[in-house]
Amino acid sequence: MGAVVTGLDLTDVSRAEECDLYRAFLQYGVLVFKGLNTDMAGHLALSNLFGEPDLHPIEALRLKDEPKLIMLAANGGNPV
């Protein structure tokens, strides 16, 4: 279960790459994006390749600047 994706450039994703990513997601169920250093806009762009993101059901977990994202945290709220 799962596959690792490397070498993805979010500033220039072709339609063929979008299709490959979606097929990989359907095949493996989980995709891990290694070496993908991005900001909130990049995370949303990546999410949108798979469809429109839903809002997290717990409103308090949503980021104020971008409610379609949440921050995973542990150890007293330090980002993971």
PDB file of N, CA and C in Angstrom:
ATOM      1  N   MET A   1       0.845  -1.175   0.000  1.00  0.00           N
ATOM      2  CA  MET A   1       0.000   0.000   0.000  1.00  0.00           C
ATOM      3  C   MET A   1       0.888   1.235   0.000  1.00  0.00           C
ATOM      4  N   GLY A   2       0.661   2.140  -0.924  1.00  0.00           N
ATOM      5  CA  GLY A   2       1.367   3.405  -0.960  1.00  0.00           C
ATOM      6  C   GLY A   2       2.455   3.442  -2.008  1.00  0.00           C
ATOM      7  N   ALA A   3       2.770   4.642  -2.449  1.00  0.00           N
ATOM      8  CA  ALA A   3       3.827   4.881  -3.428  1.00  0.00           C
ATOM      9  C   ALA A   3       4.484   6.216  -3.115  1.00  0.00           C
ATOM     10  N   VAL A   4       5.768   6.330  -3.473  1.00  0.00           N
ATOM     11  CA  VAL A   4       6.525   7.556  -3.257  1.00  0.00           C
ATOM     12  C   VAL A   4       6.623   8.296  -4.583  1.00  0.00           C
ATOM     13  N   VAL A   5       6.328   9.598  -4.542  1.00  0.00           N
ATOM     14  CA  VAL A   5       6.443  10.462  -5.713  1.00  0.00           C
ATOM     15  C   VAL A   5       7.610  11.410  -5.468  1.00  0.00           C
ATOM     16  N   THR A   6       8.558  11.453  -6.417  1.00  0.00           N
ATOM     17  CA  THR A   6       9.701  12.353  -6.301  1.00  0.00           C
ATOM     18  C   THR A   6       9.818  13.171  -7.577  1.00  0.00           C
ATOM     19  N   GLY A   7      10.493  14.298  -7.472  1.00  0.00           N
ATOM     20  CA  GLY A   7      10.787  15.107  -8.646  1.00  0.00           C
ATOM     21  C   GLY A   7       9.614  15.886  -9.208  1.00  0.00           C
ATOM     22  N   LEU A   8       8.554  16.074  -8.432  1.00  0.00           N
ATOM     23  CA  LEU A   8       7.389  16.815  -8.913  1.00  0.00           C
ATOM     24  C   LEU A   8       7.625  18.315  -8.765  1.00  0.00           C
ATOM     25  N   ASP A   9       7.398  19.047  -9.827  1.00  0.00           N
ATOM     26  CA  ASP A   9       7.508  20.510  -9.821  1.00  0.00           C
ATOM     27  C   ASP A   9       6.099  21.078  -9.942  1.00  0.00           C
ATOM     28  N   LEU A  10       5.568  21.607  -8.846  1.00  0.00           N
ATOM     29  CA  LEU A  10       4.185  22.103  -8.840  1.00  0.00           C
ATOM     30  C   LEU A  10       3.979  23.329  -9.710  1.00  0.00           C
ATOM     31  N   THR A  11       5.051  23.984 -10.104  1.00  0.00           N
ATOM     32  CA  THR A  11       4.894  25.167 -10.955  1.00  0.00           C
ATOM     33  C   THR A  11       4.669  24.799 -12.414  1.00  0.00           C
ATOM     34  N   ASP A  12       4.876  23.514 -12.744  1.00  0.00           N
ATOM     35  CA  ASP A  12       4.751  23.111 -14.135  1.00  0.00           C
ATOM     36  C   ASP A  12       4.291  21.659 -14.236  1.00  0.00           C
ATOM     37  N   VAL A  13       3.046  21.384 -13.849  1.00  0.00           N
ATOM     38  CA  VAL A  13       2.491  20.037 -13.907  1.00  0.00           C
ATOM     39  C   VAL A  13       1.692  19.901 -15.203  1.00  0.00           C
ATOM     40  N   SER A  14       2.109  18.968 -16.042  1.00  0.00           N
ATOM     41  CA  SER A  14       1.412  18.754 -17.322  1.00  0.00           C
ATOM     42  C   SER A  14       0.144  17.943 -17.090  1.00  0.00           C
ATOM     43  N   ARG A  15      -0.721  17.960 -18.069  1.00  0.00           N
ATOM     44  CA  ARG A  15      -1.962  17.173 -17.993  1.00  0.00           C
ATOM     45  C   ARG A  15      -1.626  15.686 -17.875  1.00  0.00           C
ATOM     46  N   ALA A  16      -0.585  15.245 -18.574  1.00  0.00           N
ATOM     47  CA  ALA A  16      -0.169  13.844 -18.494  1.00  0.00           C
ATOM     48  C   ALA A  16       0.283  13.486 -17.073  1.00  0.00           C
ATOM     49  N   GLU A  17       1.029  14.399 -16.435  1.00  0.00           N
ATOM     50  CA  GLU A  17       1.467  14.158 -15.050  1.00  0.00           C
ATOM     51  C   GLU A  17       0.269  14.122 -14.104  1.00  0.00           C
ATOM     52  N   GLU A  18      -0.704  15.005 -14.318  1.00  0.00           N
ATOM     53  CA  GLU A  18      -1.921  14.982 -13.497  1.00  0.00           C
ATOM     54  C   GLU A  18      -2.594  13.621 -13.595  1.00  0.00           C
ATOM     55  N   CYS A  19      -2.726  13.114 -14.818  1.00  0.00           N
ATOM     56  CA  CYS A  19      -3.363  11.809 -15.029  1.00  0.00           C
ATOM     57  C   CYS A  19      -2.551  10.693 -14.378  1.00  0.00           C
ATOM     58  N   ASP A  20      -1.223  10.752 -14.497  1.00  0.00           N
ATOM     59  CA  ASP A  20      -0.362   9.740 -13.874  1.00  0.00           C
ATOM     60  C   ASP A  20      -0.511   9.750 -12.356  1.00  0.00           C
ATOM     61  N   LEU A  21      -0.543  10.932 -11.764  1.00  0.00           N
ATOM     62  CA  LEU A  21      -0.713  11.040 -10.312  1.00  0.00           C
ATOM     63  C   LEU A  21      -2.056  10.478  -9.870  1.00  0.00           C
ATOM     64  N   TYR A  22      -3.099  10.807 -10.606  1.00  0.00           N
ATOM     65  CA  TYR A  22      -4.437  10.320 -10.239  1.00  0.00           C
ATOM     66  C   TYR A  22      -4.505   8.802 -10.364  1.00  0.00           C
ATOM     67  N   ARG A  23      -3.922   8.253 -11.431  1.00  0.00           N
ATOM     68  CA  ARG A  23      -3.904   6.790 -11.599  1.00  0.00           C
ATOM     69  C   ARG A  23      -3.102   6.138 -10.477  1.00  0.00           C
ATOM     70  N   ALA A  24      -1.977   6.742 -10.104  1.00  0.00           N
ATOM     71  CA  ALA A  24      -1.168   6.196  -9.012  1.00  0.00           C
ATOM     72  C   ALA A  24      -1.951   6.212  -7.708  1.00  0.00           C
ATOM     73  N   PHE A  25      -2.684   7.287  -7.461  1.00  0.00           N
ATOM     74  CA  PHE A  25      -3.504   7.369  -6.250  1.00  0.00           C
ATOM     75  C   PHE A  25      -4.567   6.264  -6.241  1.00  0.00           C
ATOM     76  N   LEU A  26      -5.218   6.058  -7.378  1.00  0.00           N
ATOM     77  CA  LEU A  26      -6.238   5.003  -7.453  1.00  0.00           C
ATOM     78  C   LEU A  26      -5.622   3.617  -7.254  1.00  0.00           C
ATOM     79  N   GLN A  27      -4.420   3.425  -7.762  1.00  0.00           N
ATOM     80  CA  GLN A  27      -3.764   2.128  -7.652  1.00  0.00           C
ATOM     81  C   GLN A  27      -3.219   1.863  -6.257  1.00  0.00           C
ATOM     82  N   TYR A  28      -2.567   2.868  -5.637  1.00  0.00           N
ATOM     83  CA  TYR A  28      -1.856   2.648  -4.384  1.00  0.00           C
ATOM     84  C   TYR A  28      -2.586   3.156  -3.144  1.00  0.00           C
ATOM     85  N   GLY A  29      -3.542   4.034  -3.309  1.00  0.00           N
ATOM     86  CA  GLY A  29      -4.323   4.516  -2.175  1.00  0.00           C
ATOM     87  C   GLY A  29      -3.674   5.625  -1.365  1.00  0.00           C
ATOM     88  N   VAL A  30      -2.357   5.628  -1.280  1.00  0.00           N
ATOM     89  CA  VAL A  30      -1.614   6.642  -0.527  1.00  0.00           C
ATOM     90  C   VAL A  30      -0.417   7.060  -1.375  1.00  0.00           C
ATOM     91  N   LEU A  31      -0.219   8.372  -1.517  1.00  0.00           N
ATOM     92  CA  LEU A  31       0.952   8.886  -2.200  1.00  0.00           C
ATOM     93  C   LEU A  31       1.755   9.731  -1.222  1.00  0.00           C
ATOM     94  N   VAL A  32       3.058   9.481  -1.154  1.00  0.00           N
ATOM     95  CA  VAL A  32       3.970  10.254  -0.318  1.00  0.00           C
ATOM     96  C   VAL A  32       4.818  11.099  -1.261  1.00  0.00           C
ATOM     97  N   PHE A  33       4.795  12.403  -1.080  1.00  0.00           N
ATOM     98  CA  PHE A  33       5.524  13.334  -1.939  1.00  0.00           C
ATOM     99  C   PHE A  33       6.816  13.721  -1.237  1.00  0.00           C
ATOM    100  N   LYS A  34       7.924  13.137  -1.679  1.00  0.00           N
ATOM    101  CA  LYS A  34       9.237  13.409  -1.075  1.00  0.00           C
ATOM    102  C   LYS A  34       9.876  14.616  -1.731  1.00  0.00           C
ATOM    103  N   GLY A  35      10.511  15.450  -0.910  1.00  0.00           N
ATOM    104  CA  GLY A  35      11.258  16.591  -1.416  1.00  0.00           C
ATOM    105  C   GLY A  35      10.385  17.703  -1.962  1.00  0.00           C
ATOM    106  N   LEU A  36       9.136  17.714  -1.600  1.00  0.00           N
ATOM    107  CA  LEU A  36       8.209  18.734  -2.097  1.00  0.00           C
ATOM    108  C   LEU A  36       8.135  19.857  -1.069  1.00  0.00           C
ATOM    109  N   ASN A  37       8.955  20.868  -1.232  1.00  0.00           N
ATOM    110  CA  ASN A  37       8.957  22.019  -0.340  1.00  0.00           C
ATOM    111  C   ASN A  37       8.027  23.063  -0.929  1.00  0.00           C
ATOM    112  N   THR A  38       6.926  23.297  -0.254  1.00  0.00           N
ATOM    113  CA  THR A  38       5.926  24.200  -0.809  1.00  0.00           C
ATOM    114  C   THR A  38       5.231  24.985   0.296  1.00  0.00           C
ATOM    115  N   ASP A  39       4.450  25.950  -0.119  1.00  0.00           N
ATOM    116  CA  ASP A  39       3.675  26.772   0.804  1.00  0.00           C
ATOM    117  C   ASP A  39       2.203  26.348   0.731  1.00  0.00           C
ATOM    118  N   MET A  40       1.334  27.129   1.384  1.00  0.00           N
ATOM    119  CA  MET A  40      -0.094  26.796   1.383  1.00  0.00           C
ATOM    120  C   MET A  40      -0.665  26.738  -0.032  1.00  0.00           C
ATOM    121  N   ALA A  41      -0.290  27.675  -0.870  1.00  0.00           N
ATOM    122  CA  ALA A  41      -0.798  27.697  -2.246  1.00  0.00           C
ATOM    123  C   ALA A  41      -0.375  26.433  -2.997  1.00  0.00           C
ATOM    124  N   GLY A  42       0.847  25.987  -2.754  1.00  0.00           N
ATOM    125  CA  GLY A  42       1.322  24.765  -3.388  1.00  0.00           C
ATOM    126  C   GLY A  42       0.579  23.537  -2.910  1.00  0.00           C
ATOM    127  N   HIS A  43       0.301  23.475  -1.606  1.00  0.00           N
ATOM    128  CA  HIS A  43      -0.476  22.352  -1.060  1.00  0.00           C
ATOM    129  C   HIS A  43      -1.874  22.326  -1.678  1.00  0.00           C
ATOM    130  N   LEU A  44      -2.479  23.490  -1.809  1.00  0.00           N
ATOM    131  CA  LEU A  44      -3.811  23.544  -2.420  1.00  0.00           C
ATOM    132  C   LEU A  44      -3.761  23.155  -3.890  1.00  0.00           C
ATOM    133  N   ALA A  45      -2.745  23.608  -4.599  1.00  0.00           N
ATOM    134  CA  ALA A  45      -2.611  23.243  -6.014  1.00  0.00           C
ATOM    135  C   ALA A  45      -2.479  21.731  -6.157  1.00  0.00           C
ATOM    136  N   LEU A  46      -1.679  21.123  -5.303  1.00  0.00           N
ATOM    137  CA  LEU A  46      -1.529  19.669  -5.335  1.00  0.00           C
ATOM    138  C   LEU A  46      -2.859  18.987  -5.005  1.00  0.00           C
ATOM    139  N   SER A  47      -3.540  19.450  -3.989  1.00  0.00           N
ATOM    140  CA  SER A  47      -4.839  18.878  -3.617  1.00  0.00           C
ATOM    141  C   SER A  47      -5.839  18.978  -4.753  1.00  0.00           C
ATOM    142  N   ASN A  48      -5.829  20.107  -5.439  1.00  0.00           N
ATOM    143  CA  ASN A  48      -6.787  20.316  -6.529  1.00  0.00           C
ATOM    144  C   ASN A  48      -6.557  19.380  -7.712  1.00  0.00           C
ATOM    145  N   LEU A  49      -5.365  18.784  -7.820  1.00  0.00           N
ATOM    146  CA  LEU A  49      -5.132  17.798  -8.871  1.00  0.00           C
ATOM    147  C   LEU A  49      -6.017  16.572  -8.688  1.00  0.00           C
ATOM    148  N   PHE A  50      -6.471  16.352  -7.459  1.00  0.00           N
ATOM    149  CA  PHE A  50      -7.279  15.179  -7.141  1.00  0.00           C
ATOM    150  C   PHE A  50      -8.757  15.511  -6.943  1.00  0.00           C
ATOM    151  N   GLY A  51      -9.126  16.769  -7.127  1.00  0.00           N
ATOM    152  CA  GLY A  51     -10.510  17.203  -6.941  1.00  0.00           C
ATOM    153  C   GLY A  51     -10.575  18.344  -5.942  1.00  0.00           C
ATOM    154  N   GLU A  52     -11.724  18.915  -5.800  1.00  0.00           N
ATOM    155  CA  GLU A  52     -11.934  20.041  -4.883  1.00  0.00           C
ATOM    156  C   GLU A  52     -11.842  19.552  -3.438  1.00  0.00           C
ATOM    157  N   PRO A  53     -10.923  20.109  -2.626  1.00  0.00           N
ATOM    158  CA  PRO A  53     -10.800  19.681  -1.229  1.00  0.00           C
ATOM    159  C   PRO A  53     -12.037  20.055  -0.411  1.00  0.00           C
ATOM    160  N   ASP A  54     -12.404  19.153   0.489  1.00  0.00           N
ATOM    161  CA  ASP A  54     -13.485  19.420   1.430  1.00  0.00           C
ATOM    162  C   ASP A  54     -12.922  20.143   2.641  1.00  0.00           C
ATOM    163  N   LEU A  55     -13.770  20.886   3.324  1.00  0.00           N
ATOM    164  CA  LEU A  55     -13.366  21.502   4.588  1.00  0.00           C
ATOM    165  C   LEU A  55     -13.324  20.435   5.670  1.00  0.00           C
ATOM    166  N   HIS A  56     -12.340  20.531   6.564  1.00  0.00           N
ATOM    167  CA  HIS A  56     -12.274  19.611   7.692  1.00  0.00           C
ATOM    168  C   HIS A  56     -13.527  19.813   8.537  1.00  0.00           C
ATOM    169  N   PRO A  57     -14.125  18.728   9.025  1.00  0.00           N
ATOM    170  CA  PRO A  57     -15.380  18.872   9.774  1.00  0.00           C
ATOM    171  C   PRO A  57     -15.241  19.624  11.098  1.00  0.00           C
ATOM    172  N   ILE A  58     -14.053  19.671  11.674  1.00  0.00           N
ATOM    173  CA  ILE A  58     -13.850  20.392  12.930  1.00  0.00           C
ATOM    174  C   ILE A  58     -13.278  21.767  12.590  1.00  0.00           C
ATOM    175  N   GLU A  59     -14.122  22.762  12.664  1.00  0.00           N
ATOM    176  CA  GLU A  59     -13.756  24.112  12.247  1.00  0.00           C
ATOM    177  C   GLU A  59     -12.530  24.651  12.980  1.00  0.00           C
ATOM    178  N   ALA A  60     -12.378  24.303  14.245  1.00  0.00           N
ATOM    179  CA  ALA A  60     -11.258  24.826  15.042  1.00  0.00           C
ATOM    180  C   ALA A  60      -9.898  24.360  14.515  1.00  0.00           C
ATOM    181  N   LEU A  61      -9.860  23.286  13.739  1.00  0.00           N
ATOM    182  CA  LEU A  61      -8.596  22.777  13.205  1.00  0.00           C
ATOM    183  C   LEU A  61      -8.203  23.447  11.886  1.00  0.00           C
ATOM    184  N   ARG A  62      -9.126  24.137  11.253  1.00  0.00           N
ATOM    185  CA  ARG A  62      -8.841  24.770   9.967  1.00  0.00           C
ATOM    186  C   ARG A  62      -7.928  25.977  10.165  1.00  0.00           C
ATOM    187  N   LEU A  63      -7.008  26.174   9.204  1.00  0.00           N
ATOM    188  CA  LEU A  63      -6.148  27.353   9.254  1.00  0.00           C
ATOM    189  C   LEU A  63      -6.953  28.605   8.931  1.00  0.00           C
ATOM    190  N   LYS A  64      -6.692  29.679   9.659  1.00  0.00           N
ATOM    191  CA  LYS A  64      -7.443  30.921   9.448  1.00  0.00           C
ATOM    192  C   LYS A  64      -7.171  31.514   8.069  1.00  0.00           C
ATOM    193  N   ASP A  65      -5.911  31.446   7.619  1.00  0.00           N
ATOM    194  CA  ASP A  65      -5.556  32.020   6.320  1.00  0.00           C
ATOM    195  C   ASP A  65      -6.047  31.173   5.144  1.00  0.00           C
ATOM    196  N   GLU A  66      -6.206  29.876   5.370  1.00  0.00           N
ATOM    197  CA  GLU A  66      -6.682  28.979   4.312  1.00  0.00           C
ATOM    198  C   GLU A  66      -7.487  27.850   4.941  1.00  0.00           C
ATOM    199  N   PRO A  67      -8.802  28.015   5.036  1.00  0.00           N
ATOM    200  CA  PRO A  67      -9.643  27.051   5.755  1.00  0.00           C
ATOM    201  C   PRO A  67      -9.713  25.655   5.131  1.00  0.00           C
ATOM    202  N   LYS A  68      -9.224  25.486   3.902  1.00  0.00           N
ATOM    203  CA  LYS A  68      -9.217  24.147   3.302  1.00  0.00           C
ATOM    204  C   LYS A  68      -8.034  23.319   3.786  1.00  0.00           C
ATOM    205  N   LEU A  69      -7.144  23.927   4.574  1.00  0.00           N
ATOM    206  CA  LEU A  69      -5.980  23.224   5.112  1.00  0.00           C
ATOM    207  C   LEU A  69      -6.049  23.172   6.634  1.00  0.00           C
ATOM    208  N   ILE A  70      -5.424  22.129   7.201  1.00  0.00           N
ATOM    209  CA  ILE A  70      -5.251  22.031   8.648  1.00  0.00           C
ATOM    210  C   ILE A  70      -3.761  21.824   8.920  1.00  0.00           C
ATOM    211  N   MET A  71      -3.311  22.097  10.130  1.00  0.00           N
ATOM    212  CA  MET A  71      -1.926  21.873  10.530  1.00  0.00           C
ATOM    213  C   MET A  71      -1.901  20.670  11.458  1.00  0.00           C
ATOM    214  N   LEU A  72      -1.154  19.640  11.065  1.00  0.00           N
ATOM    215  CA  LEU A  72      -0.948  18.510  11.960  1.00  0.00           C
ATOM    216  C   LEU A  72       0.053  18.956  13.006  1.00  0.00           C
ATOM    217  N   ALA A  73      -0.242  18.672  14.274  1.00  0.00           N
ATOM    218  CA  ALA A  73       0.646  19.132  15.339  1.00  0.00           C
ATOM    219  C   ALA A  73       0.730  18.107  16.455  1.00  0.00           C
ATOM    220  N   ALA A  74       1.844  18.133  17.140  1.00  0.00           N
ATOM    221  CA  ALA A  74       2.067  17.282  18.312  1.00  0.00           C
ATOM    222  C   ALA A  74       2.974  18.068  19.247  1.00  0.00           C
ATOM    223  N   ASN A  75       3.229  17.516  20.379  1.00  0.00           N
ATOM    224  CA  ASN A  75       4.165  18.145  21.329  1.00  0.00           C
ATOM    225  C   ASN A  75       3.781  19.581  21.636  1.00  0.00           C
ATOM    226  N   GLY A  76       2.596  19.806  22.075  1.00  0.00           N
ATOM    227  CA  GLY A  76       2.180  21.138  22.477  1.00  0.00           C
ATOM    228  C   GLY A  76       1.905  22.084  21.328  1.00  0.00           C
ATOM    229  N   GLY A  77       1.552  21.558  20.169  1.00  0.00           N
ATOM    230  CA  GLY A  77       1.174  22.408  19.054  1.00  0.00           C
ATOM    231  C   GLY A  77       2.292  22.708  18.064  1.00  0.00           C
ATOM    232  N   ASN A  78       3.458  22.082  18.225  1.00  0.00           N
ATOM    233  CA  ASN A  78       4.537  22.269  17.261  1.00  0.00           C
ATOM    234  C   ASN A  78       4.209  21.530  15.973  1.00  0.00           C
ATOM    235  N   PRO A  79       4.357  22.174  14.818  1.00  0.00           N
ATOM    236  CA  PRO A  79       4.040  21.485  13.556  1.00  0.00           C
ATOM    237  C   PRO A  79       4.852  20.219  13.371  1.00  0.00           C
ATOM    238  N   VAL A  80       4.211  19.219  12.807  1.00  0.00           N
ATOM    239  CA  VAL A  80       4.867  17.926  12.534  1.00  0.00           C
ATOM    240  C   VAL A  80       5.534  18.023  11.177  1.00  0.00           C
TER     241      VAL A  80
END
